Amino acid sequence: MFLNILIQNQLFALLNDQFVVYLEAMAHIVGNKHANLSEIEKEYMRTMLAAGLWSILKKWMIRGCIESPEEMARMTLIFFDV
């Protein structure tokens, strides 16, 4: 699997970096739940969200995808208060 190859070759962080850029581009679609944050706070928040999401995915894969995708989605929504 592609993601396993990235993990094995220490390249998984590249996805995270690109996801931060993606989150920034999608900010206008996501909504204004955090409209009261400063721009620097929003930047740090995007970085934290991206790292958290990719870290959850990486942990799930390393563990052998024991949990169902639905269970992972449920936990992720709880963790990120969505």
PDB file of N, CA and C in Angstrom:
ATOM      1  N   MET A   1       0.838  -1.179   0.000  1.00  0.00           N
ATOM      2  CA  MET A   1       0.000   0.000   0.000  1.00  0.00           C
ATOM      3  C   MET A   1       0.890   1.253   0.000  1.00  0.00           C
ATOM      4  N   PHE A   2       0.447   2.250  -0.711  1.00  0.00           N
ATOM      5  CA  PHE A   2       1.204   3.485  -0.876  1.00  0.00           C
ATOM      6  C   PHE A   2       1.602   4.127   0.458  1.00  0.00           C
ATOM      7  N   LEU A   3       0.654   4.230   1.375  1.00  0.00           N
ATOM      8  CA  LEU A   3       0.953   4.878   2.664  1.00  0.00           C
ATOM      9  C   LEU A   3       1.980   4.080   3.462  1.00  0.00           C
ATOM     10  N   ASN A   4       1.927   2.756   3.388  1.00  0.00           N
ATOM     11  CA  ASN A   4       2.933   1.945   4.076  1.00  0.00           C
ATOM     12  C   ASN A   4       4.332   2.203   3.524  1.00  0.00           C
ATOM     13  N   ILE A   5       4.439   2.364   2.224  1.00  0.00           N
ATOM     14  CA  ILE A   5       5.739   2.662   1.606  1.00  0.00           C
ATOM     15  C   ILE A   5       6.252   4.010   2.110  1.00  0.00           C
ATOM     16  N   LEU A   6       5.368   5.002   2.206  1.00  0.00           N
ATOM     17  CA  LEU A   6       5.774   6.312   2.728  1.00  0.00           C
ATOM     18  C   LEU A   6       6.261   6.194   4.170  1.00  0.00           C
ATOM     19  N   ILE A   7       5.545   5.434   4.988  1.00  0.00           N
ATOM     20  CA  ILE A   7       5.938   5.256   6.391  1.00  0.00           C
ATOM     21  C   ILE A   7       7.297   4.576   6.470  1.00  0.00           C
ATOM     22  N   GLN A   8       7.483   3.503   5.726  1.00  0.00           N
ATOM     23  CA  GLN A   8       8.735   2.746   5.760  1.00  0.00           C
ATOM     24  C   GLN A   8       9.929   3.574   5.311  1.00  0.00           C
ATOM     25  N   ASN A   9       9.698   4.515   4.424  1.00  0.00           N
ATOM     26  CA  ASN A   9      10.778   5.331   3.882  1.00  0.00           C
ATOM     27  C   ASN A   9      10.868   6.724   4.510  1.00  0.00           C
ATOM     28  N   GLN A  10      10.208   6.883   5.644  1.00  0.00           N
ATOM     29  CA  GLN A  10      10.264   8.152   6.390  1.00  0.00           C
ATOM     30  C   GLN A  10       9.789   9.339   5.551  1.00  0.00           C
ATOM     31  N   LEU A  11       8.808   9.118   4.700  1.00  0.00           N
ATOM     32  CA  LEU A  11       8.296  10.180   3.839  1.00  0.00           C
ATOM     33  C   LEU A  11       6.863  10.582   4.185  1.00  0.00           C
ATOM     34  N   PHE A  12       6.310   9.996   5.224  1.00  0.00           N
ATOM     35  CA  PHE A  12       4.921  10.260   5.596  1.00  0.00           C
ATOM     36  C   PHE A  12       4.686  11.734   5.912  1.00  0.00           C
ATOM     37  N   ALA A  13       5.694  12.404   6.452  1.00  0.00           N
ATOM     38  CA  ALA A  13       5.560  13.820   6.813  1.00  0.00           C
ATOM     39  C   ALA A  13       5.256  14.698   5.595  1.00  0.00           C
ATOM     40  N   LEU A  14       5.640  14.251   4.415  1.00  0.00           N
ATOM     41  CA  LEU A  14       5.345  15.029   3.209  1.00  0.00           C
ATOM     42  C   LEU A  14       3.837  15.203   3.022  1.00  0.00           C
ATOM     43  N   LEU A  15       3.074  14.177   3.342  1.00  0.00           N
ATOM     44  CA  LEU A  15       1.615  14.290   3.264  1.00  0.00           C
ATOM     45  C   LEU A  15       1.093  15.349   4.222  1.00  0.00           C
ATOM     46  N   ASN A  16       1.640  15.330   5.423  1.00  0.00           N
ATOM     47  CA  ASN A  16       1.215  16.311   6.421  1.00  0.00           C
ATOM     48  C   ASN A  16       1.475  17.731   5.929  1.00  0.00           C
ATOM     49  N   ASP A  17       2.653  17.973   5.407  1.00  0.00           N
ATOM     50  CA  ASP A  17       2.995  19.316   4.937  1.00  0.00           C
ATOM     51  C   ASP A  17       2.040  19.782   3.837  1.00  0.00           C
ATOM     52  N   GLN A  18       1.702  18.895   2.924  1.00  0.00           N
ATOM     53  CA  GLN A  18       0.788  19.260   1.850  1.00  0.00           C
ATOM     54  C   GLN A  18      -0.643  19.427   2.357  1.00  0.00           C
ATOM     55  N   PHE A  19      -0.986  18.671   3.370  1.00  0.00           N
ATOM     56  CA  PHE A  19      -2.333  18.785   3.929  1.00  0.00           C
ATOM     57  C   PHE A  19      -2.532  20.131   4.623  1.00  0.00           C
ATOM     58  N   VAL A  20      -1.493  20.664   5.240  1.00  0.00           N
ATOM     59  CA  VAL A  20      -1.577  21.994   5.849  1.00  0.00           C
ATOM     60  C   VAL A  20      -1.921  23.022   4.772  1.00  0.00           C
ATOM     61  N   VAL A  21      -1.263  22.923   3.628  1.00  0.00           N
ATOM     62  CA  VAL A  21      -1.539  23.831   2.511  1.00  0.00           C
ATOM     63  C   VAL A  21      -2.986  23.647   2.037  1.00  0.00           C
ATOM     64  N   TYR A  22      -3.434  22.394   1.955  1.00  0.00           N
ATOM     65  CA  TYR A  22      -4.810  22.094   1.548  1.00  0.00           C
ATOM     66  C   TYR A  22      -5.809  22.703   2.527  1.00  0.00           C
ATOM     67  N   LEU A  23      -5.569  22.539   3.826  1.00  0.00           N
ATOM     68  CA  LEU A  23      -6.479  23.102   4.828  1.00  0.00           C
ATOM     69  C   LEU A  23      -6.567  24.618   4.714  1.00  0.00           C
ATOM     70  N   GLU A  24      -5.460  25.243   4.432  1.00  0.00           N
ATOM     71  CA  GLU A  24      -5.469  26.700   4.269  1.00  0.00           C
ATOM     72  C   GLU A  24      -6.330  27.090   3.067  1.00  0.00           C
ATOM     73  N   ALA A  25      -6.196  26.354   1.977  1.00  0.00           N
ATOM     74  CA  ALA A  25      -6.969  26.651   0.776  1.00  0.00           C
ATOM     75  C   ALA A  25      -8.462  26.390   0.983  1.00  0.00           C
ATOM     76  N   MET A  26      -8.794  25.472   1.878  1.00  0.00           N
ATOM     77  CA  MET A  26     -10.190  25.103   2.114  1.00  0.00           C
ATOM     78  C   MET A  26     -10.844  25.911   3.242  1.00  0.00           C
ATOM     79  N   ALA A  27     -10.126  26.806   3.848  1.00  0.00           N
ATOM     80  CA  ALA A  27     -10.626  27.539   5.013  1.00  0.00           C
ATOM     81  C   ALA A  27     -11.967  28.217   4.753  1.00  0.00           C
ATOM     82  N   HIS A  28     -12.160  28.765   3.588  1.00  0.00           N
ATOM     83  CA  HIS A  28     -13.416  29.467   3.291  1.00  0.00           C
ATOM     84  C   HIS A  28     -14.607  28.514   3.177  1.00  0.00           C
ATOM     85  N   ILE A  29     -14.369  27.243   2.932  1.00  0.00           N
ATOM     86  CA  ILE A  29     -15.441  26.259   2.799  1.00  0.00           C
ATOM     87  C   ILE A  29     -15.801  25.649   4.153  1.00  0.00           C
ATOM     88  N   VAL A  30     -14.812  25.496   5.014  1.00  0.00           N
ATOM     89  CA  VAL A  30     -14.991  24.826   6.294  1.00  0.00           C
ATOM     90  C   VAL A  30     -15.989  25.555   7.180  1.00  0.00           C
ATOM     91  N   GLY A  31     -16.040  26.833   7.081  1.00  0.00           N
ATOM     92  CA  GLY A  31     -16.979  27.598   7.903  1.00  0.00           C
ATOM     93  C   GLY A  31     -16.252  28.569   8.811  1.00  0.00           C
ATOM     94  N   ASN A  32     -16.999  29.217   9.671  1.00  0.00           N
ATOM     95  CA  ASN A  32     -16.408  30.257  10.512  1.00  0.00           C
ATOM     96  C   ASN A  32     -16.494  29.911  11.993  1.00  0.00           C
ATOM     97  N   LYS A  33     -16.454  28.628  12.324  1.00  0.00           N
ATOM     98  CA  LYS A  33     -16.506  28.205  13.719  1.00  0.00           C
ATOM     99  C   LYS A  33     -15.389  28.857  14.534  1.00  0.00           C
ATOM    100  N   HIS A  34     -14.266  29.116  13.878  1.00  0.00           N
ATOM    101  CA  HIS A  34     -13.114  29.700  14.563  1.00  0.00           C
ATOM    102  C   HIS A  34     -12.783  31.085  13.995  1.00  0.00           C
ATOM    103  N   ALA A  35     -13.811  31.803  13.590  1.00  0.00           N
ATOM    104  CA  ALA A  35     -13.614  33.117  12.979  1.00  0.00           C
ATOM    105  C   ALA A  35     -12.983  34.115  13.939  1.00  0.00           C
ATOM    106  N   ASN A  36     -13.138  33.869  15.233  1.00  0.00           N
ATOM    107  CA  ASN A  36     -12.601  34.811  16.212  1.00  0.00           C
ATOM    108  C   ASN A  36     -11.101  34.646  16.438  1.00  0.00           C
ATOM    109  N   LEU A  37     -10.480  33.637  15.825  1.00  0.00           N
ATOM    110  CA  LEU A  37      -9.039  33.442  15.994  1.00  0.00           C
ATOM    111  C   LEU A  37      -8.261  34.406  15.107  1.00  0.00           C
ATOM    112  N   SER A  38      -7.087  34.769  15.546  1.00  0.00           N
ATOM    113  CA  SER A  38      -6.207  35.591  14.714  1.00  0.00           C
ATOM    114  C   SER A  38      -5.665  34.730  13.576  1.00  0.00           C
ATOM    115  N   GLU A  39      -5.087  35.359  12.587  1.00  0.00           N
ATOM    116  CA  GLU A  39      -4.535  34.609  11.452  1.00  0.00           C
ATOM    117  C   GLU A  39      -3.429  33.659  11.898  1.00  0.00           C
ATOM    118  N   ILE A  40      -2.580  34.085  12.819  1.00  0.00           N
ATOM    119  CA  ILE A  40      -1.504  33.211  13.297  1.00  0.00           C
ATOM    120  C   ILE A  40      -2.080  32.039  14.087  1.00  0.00           C
ATOM    121  N   GLU A  41      -3.146  32.275  14.843  1.00  0.00           N
ATOM    122  CA  GLU A  41      -3.803  31.183  15.566  1.00  0.00           C
ATOM    123  C   GLU A  41      -4.411  30.182  14.587  1.00  0.00           C
ATOM    124  N   LYS A  42      -5.016  30.682  13.517  1.00  0.00           N
ATOM    125  CA  LYS A  42      -5.581  29.804  12.495  1.00  0.00           C
ATOM    126  C   LYS A  42      -4.482  28.982  11.819  1.00  0.00           C
ATOM    127  N   GLU A  43      -3.348  29.620  11.580  1.00  0.00           N
ATOM    128  CA  GLU A  43      -2.224  28.907  10.958  1.00  0.00           C
ATOM    129  C   GLU A  43      -1.741  27.767  11.859  1.00  0.00           C
ATOM    130  N   TYR A  44      -1.590  28.050  13.141  1.00  0.00           N
ATOM    131  CA  TYR A  44      -1.172  27.000  14.078  1.00  0.00           C
ATOM    132  C   TYR A  44      -2.244  25.924  14.212  1.00  0.00           C
ATOM    133  N   MET A  45      -3.484  26.321  14.175  1.00  0.00           N
ATOM    134  CA  MET A  45      -4.564  25.350  14.284  1.00  0.00           C
ATOM    135  C   MET A  45      -4.562  24.405  13.094  1.00  0.00           C
ATOM    136  N   ARG A  46      -4.373  24.933  11.885  1.00  0.00           N
ATOM    137  CA  ARG A  46      -4.298  24.080  10.697  1.00  0.00           C
ATOM    138  C   ARG A  46      -3.142  23.100  10.806  1.00  0.00           C
ATOM    139  N   THR A  47      -2.010  23.575  11.311  1.00  0.00           N
ATOM    140  CA  THR A  47      -0.848  22.707  11.487  1.00  0.00           C
ATOM    141  C   THR A  47      -1.148  21.595  12.478  1.00  0.00           C
ATOM    142  N   MET A  48      -1.794  21.932  13.576  1.00  0.00           N
ATOM    143  CA  MET A  48      -2.142  20.949  14.597  1.00  0.00           C
ATOM    144  C   MET A  48      -3.150  19.939  14.063  1.00  0.00           C
ATOM    145  N   LEU A  49      -4.169  20.404  13.360  1.00  0.00           N
ATOM    146  CA  LEU A  49      -5.179  19.501  12.805  1.00  0.00           C
ATOM    147  C   LEU A  49      -4.571  18.531  11.793  1.00  0.00           C
ATOM    148  N   ALA A  50      -3.735  19.052  10.913  1.00  0.00           N
ATOM    149  CA  ALA A  50      -3.114  18.195   9.905  1.00  0.00           C
ATOM    150  C   ALA A  50      -2.248  17.128  10.566  1.00  0.00           C
ATOM    151  N   ALA A  51      -1.417  17.539  11.501  1.00  0.00           N
ATOM    152  CA  ALA A  51      -0.544  16.575  12.179  1.00  0.00           C
ATOM    153  C   ALA A  51      -1.357  15.535  12.932  1.00  0.00           C
ATOM    154  N   GLY A  52      -2.418  15.966  13.573  1.00  0.00           N
ATOM    155  CA  GLY A  52      -3.266  15.029  14.307  1.00  0.00           C
ATOM    156  C   GLY A  52      -3.945  14.019  13.404  1.00  0.00           C
ATOM    157  N   LEU A  53      -4.500  14.491  12.306  1.00  0.00           N
ATOM    158  CA  LEU A  53      -5.186  13.587  11.385  1.00  0.00           C
ATOM    159  C   LEU A  53      -4.239  12.557  10.788  1.00  0.00           C
ATOM    160  N   TRP A  54      -3.093  13.034  10.315  1.00  0.00           N
ATOM    161  CA  TRP A  54      -2.142  12.100   9.704  1.00  0.00           C
ATOM    162  C   TRP A  54      -1.524  11.173  10.738  1.00  0.00           C
ATOM    163  N   SER A  55      -1.341  11.642  11.952  1.00  0.00           N
ATOM    164  CA  SER A  55      -0.807  10.775  13.013  1.00  0.00           C
ATOM    165  C   SER A  55      -1.790   9.668  13.380  1.00  0.00           C
ATOM    166  N   ILE A  56      -3.076  10.002  13.414  1.00  0.00           N
ATOM    167  CA  ILE A  56      -4.101   8.994  13.681  1.00  0.00           C
ATOM    168  C   ILE A  56      -4.087   7.941  12.569  1.00  0.00           C
ATOM    169  N   LEU A  57      -4.031   8.383  11.328  1.00  0.00           N
ATOM    170  CA  LEU A  57      -3.998   7.460  10.199  1.00  0.00           C
ATOM    171  C   LEU A  57      -2.758   6.565  10.270  1.00  0.00           C
ATOM    172  N   LYS A  58      -1.615   7.159  10.553  1.00  0.00           N
ATOM    173  CA  LYS A  58      -0.368   6.398  10.635  1.00  0.00           C
ATOM    174  C   LYS A  58      -0.449   5.353  11.744  1.00  0.00           C
ATOM    175  N   LYS A  59      -0.922   5.733  12.918  1.00  0.00           N
ATOM    176  CA  LYS A  59      -1.045   4.803  14.046  1.00  0.00           C
ATOM    177  C   LYS A  59      -1.976   3.650  13.680  1.00  0.00           C
ATOM    178  N   TRP A  60      -3.090   3.974  13.031  1.00  0.00           N
ATOM    179  CA  TRP A  60      -4.054   2.959  12.621  1.00  0.00           C
ATOM    180  C   TRP A  60      -3.410   1.958  11.668  1.00  0.00           C
ATOM    181  N   MET A  61      -2.647   2.460  10.724  1.00  0.00           N
ATOM    182  CA  MET A  61      -1.993   1.583   9.753  1.00  0.00           C
ATOM    183  C   MET A  61      -0.925   0.718  10.415  1.00  0.00           C
ATOM    184  N   ILE A  62      -0.130   1.302  11.280  1.00  0.00           N
ATOM    185  CA  ILE A  62       0.925   0.548  11.973  1.00  0.00           C
ATOM    186  C   ILE A  62       0.312  -0.563  12.815  1.00  0.00           C
ATOM    187  N   ARG A  63      -0.857  -0.293  13.396  1.00  0.00           N
ATOM    188  CA  ARG A  63      -1.546  -1.294  14.213  1.00  0.00           C
ATOM    189  C   ARG A  63      -2.246  -2.352  13.361  1.00  0.00           C
ATOM    190  N   GLY A  64      -2.196  -2.219  12.046  1.00  0.00           N
ATOM    191  CA  GLY A  64      -2.801  -3.216  11.173  1.00  0.00           C
ATOM    192  C   GLY A  64      -4.257  -2.956  10.839  1.00  0.00           C
ATOM    193  N   CYS A  65      -4.704  -1.734  10.996  1.00  0.00           N
ATOM    194  CA  CYS A  65      -6.093  -1.353  10.679  1.00  0.00           C
ATOM    195  C   CYS A  65      -7.095  -2.244  11.411  1.00  0.00           C
ATOM    196  N   ILE A  66      -6.839  -2.482  12.678  1.00  0.00           N
ATOM    197  CA  ILE A  66      -7.700  -3.352  13.483  1.00  0.00           C
ATOM    198  C   ILE A  66      -9.101  -2.761  13.602  1.00  0.00           C
ATOM    199  N   GLU A  67      -9.172  -1.477  13.886  1.00  0.00           N
ATOM    200  CA  GLU A  67     -10.471  -0.816  14.020  1.00  0.00           C
ATOM    201  C   GLU A  67     -11.072  -0.613  12.624  1.00  0.00           C
ATOM    202  N   SER A  68     -12.385  -0.596  12.563  1.00  0.00           N
ATOM    203  CA  SER A  68     -13.048  -0.357  11.285  1.00  0.00           C
ATOM    204  C   SER A  68     -12.883   1.112  10.880  1.00  0.00           C
ATOM    205  N   PRO A  69     -13.014   1.392   9.585  1.00  0.00           N
ATOM    206  CA  PRO A  69     -12.976   2.794   9.160  1.00  0.00           C
ATOM    207  C   PRO A  69     -14.049   3.628   9.868  1.00  0.00           C
ATOM    208  N   GLU A  70     -15.210   3.032  10.108  1.00  0.00           N
ATOM    209  CA  GLU A  70     -16.285   3.753  10.789  1.00  0.00           C
ATOM    210  C   GLU A  70     -15.885   4.105  12.226  1.00  0.00           C
ATOM    211  N   GLU A  71     -15.233   3.162  12.906  1.00  0.00           N
ATOM    212  CA  GLU A  71     -14.776   3.418  14.273  1.00  0.00           C
ATOM    213  C   GLU A  71     -13.711   4.510  14.284  1.00  0.00           C
ATOM    214  N   MET A  72     -12.834   4.498  13.314  1.00  0.00           N
ATOM    215  CA  MET A  72     -11.804   5.534  13.232  1.00  0.00           C
ATOM    216  C   MET A  72     -12.441   6.899  12.969  1.00  0.00           C
ATOM    217  N   ALA A  73     -13.431   6.927  12.097  1.00  0.00           N
ATOM    218  CA  ALA A  73     -14.129   8.191  11.816  1.00  0.00           C
ATOM    219  C   ALA A  73     -14.829   8.704  13.066  1.00  0.00           C
ATOM    220  N   ARG A  74     -15.478   7.804  13.797  1.00  0.00           N
ATOM    221  CA  ARG A  74     -16.176   8.199  15.027  1.00  0.00           C
ATOM    222  C   ARG A  74     -15.195   8.801  16.027  1.00  0.00           C
ATOM    223  N   MET A  75     -14.077   8.121  16.251  1.00  0.00           N
ATOM    224  CA  MET A  75     -13.083   8.627  17.209  1.00  0.00           C
ATOM    225  C   MET A  75     -12.512   9.966  16.759  1.00  0.00           C
ATOM    226  N   THR A  76     -12.207  10.077  15.480  1.00  0.00           N
ATOM    227  CA  THR A  76     -11.628  11.313  14.963  1.00  0.00           C
ATOM    228  C   THR A  76     -12.576  12.488  15.145  1.00  0.00           C
ATOM    229  N   LEU A  77     -13.851  12.271  14.882  1.00  0.00           N
ATOM    230  CA  LEU A  77     -14.828  13.347  15.080  1.00  0.00           C
ATOM    231  C   LEU A  77     -14.901  13.768  16.539  1.00  0.00           C
ATOM    232  N   ILE A  78     -14.797  12.806  17.451  1.00  0.00           N
ATOM    233  CA  ILE A  78     -14.779  13.132  18.884  1.00  0.00           C
ATOM    234  C   ILE A  78     -13.518  13.925  19.226  1.00  0.00           C
ATOM    235  N   PHE A  79     -12.373  13.437  18.775  1.00  0.00           N
ATOM    236  CA  PHE A  79     -11.098  14.092  19.105  1.00  0.00           C
ATOM    237  C   PHE A  79     -11.047  15.529  18.625  1.00  0.00           C
ATOM    238  N   PHE A  80     -11.603  15.768  17.442  1.00  0.00           N
ATOM    239  CA  PHE A  80     -11.522  17.104  16.856  1.00  0.00           C
ATOM    240  C   PHE A  80     -12.784  17.919  17.094  1.00  0.00           C
ATOM    241  N   ASP A  81     -13.673  17.405  17.923  1.00  0.00           N
ATOM    242  CA  ASP A  81     -14.876  18.132  18.335  1.00  0.00           C
ATOM    243  C   ASP A  81     -15.648  18.668  17.129  1.00  0.00           C
ATOM    244  N   VAL A  82     -15.886  17.782  16.171  1.00  0.00           N
ATOM    245  CA  VAL A  82     -16.593  18.165  14.951  1.00  0.00           C
ATOM    246  C   VAL A  82     -18.049  17.771  15.067  1.00  0.00           C
TER     247      VAL A  82
END
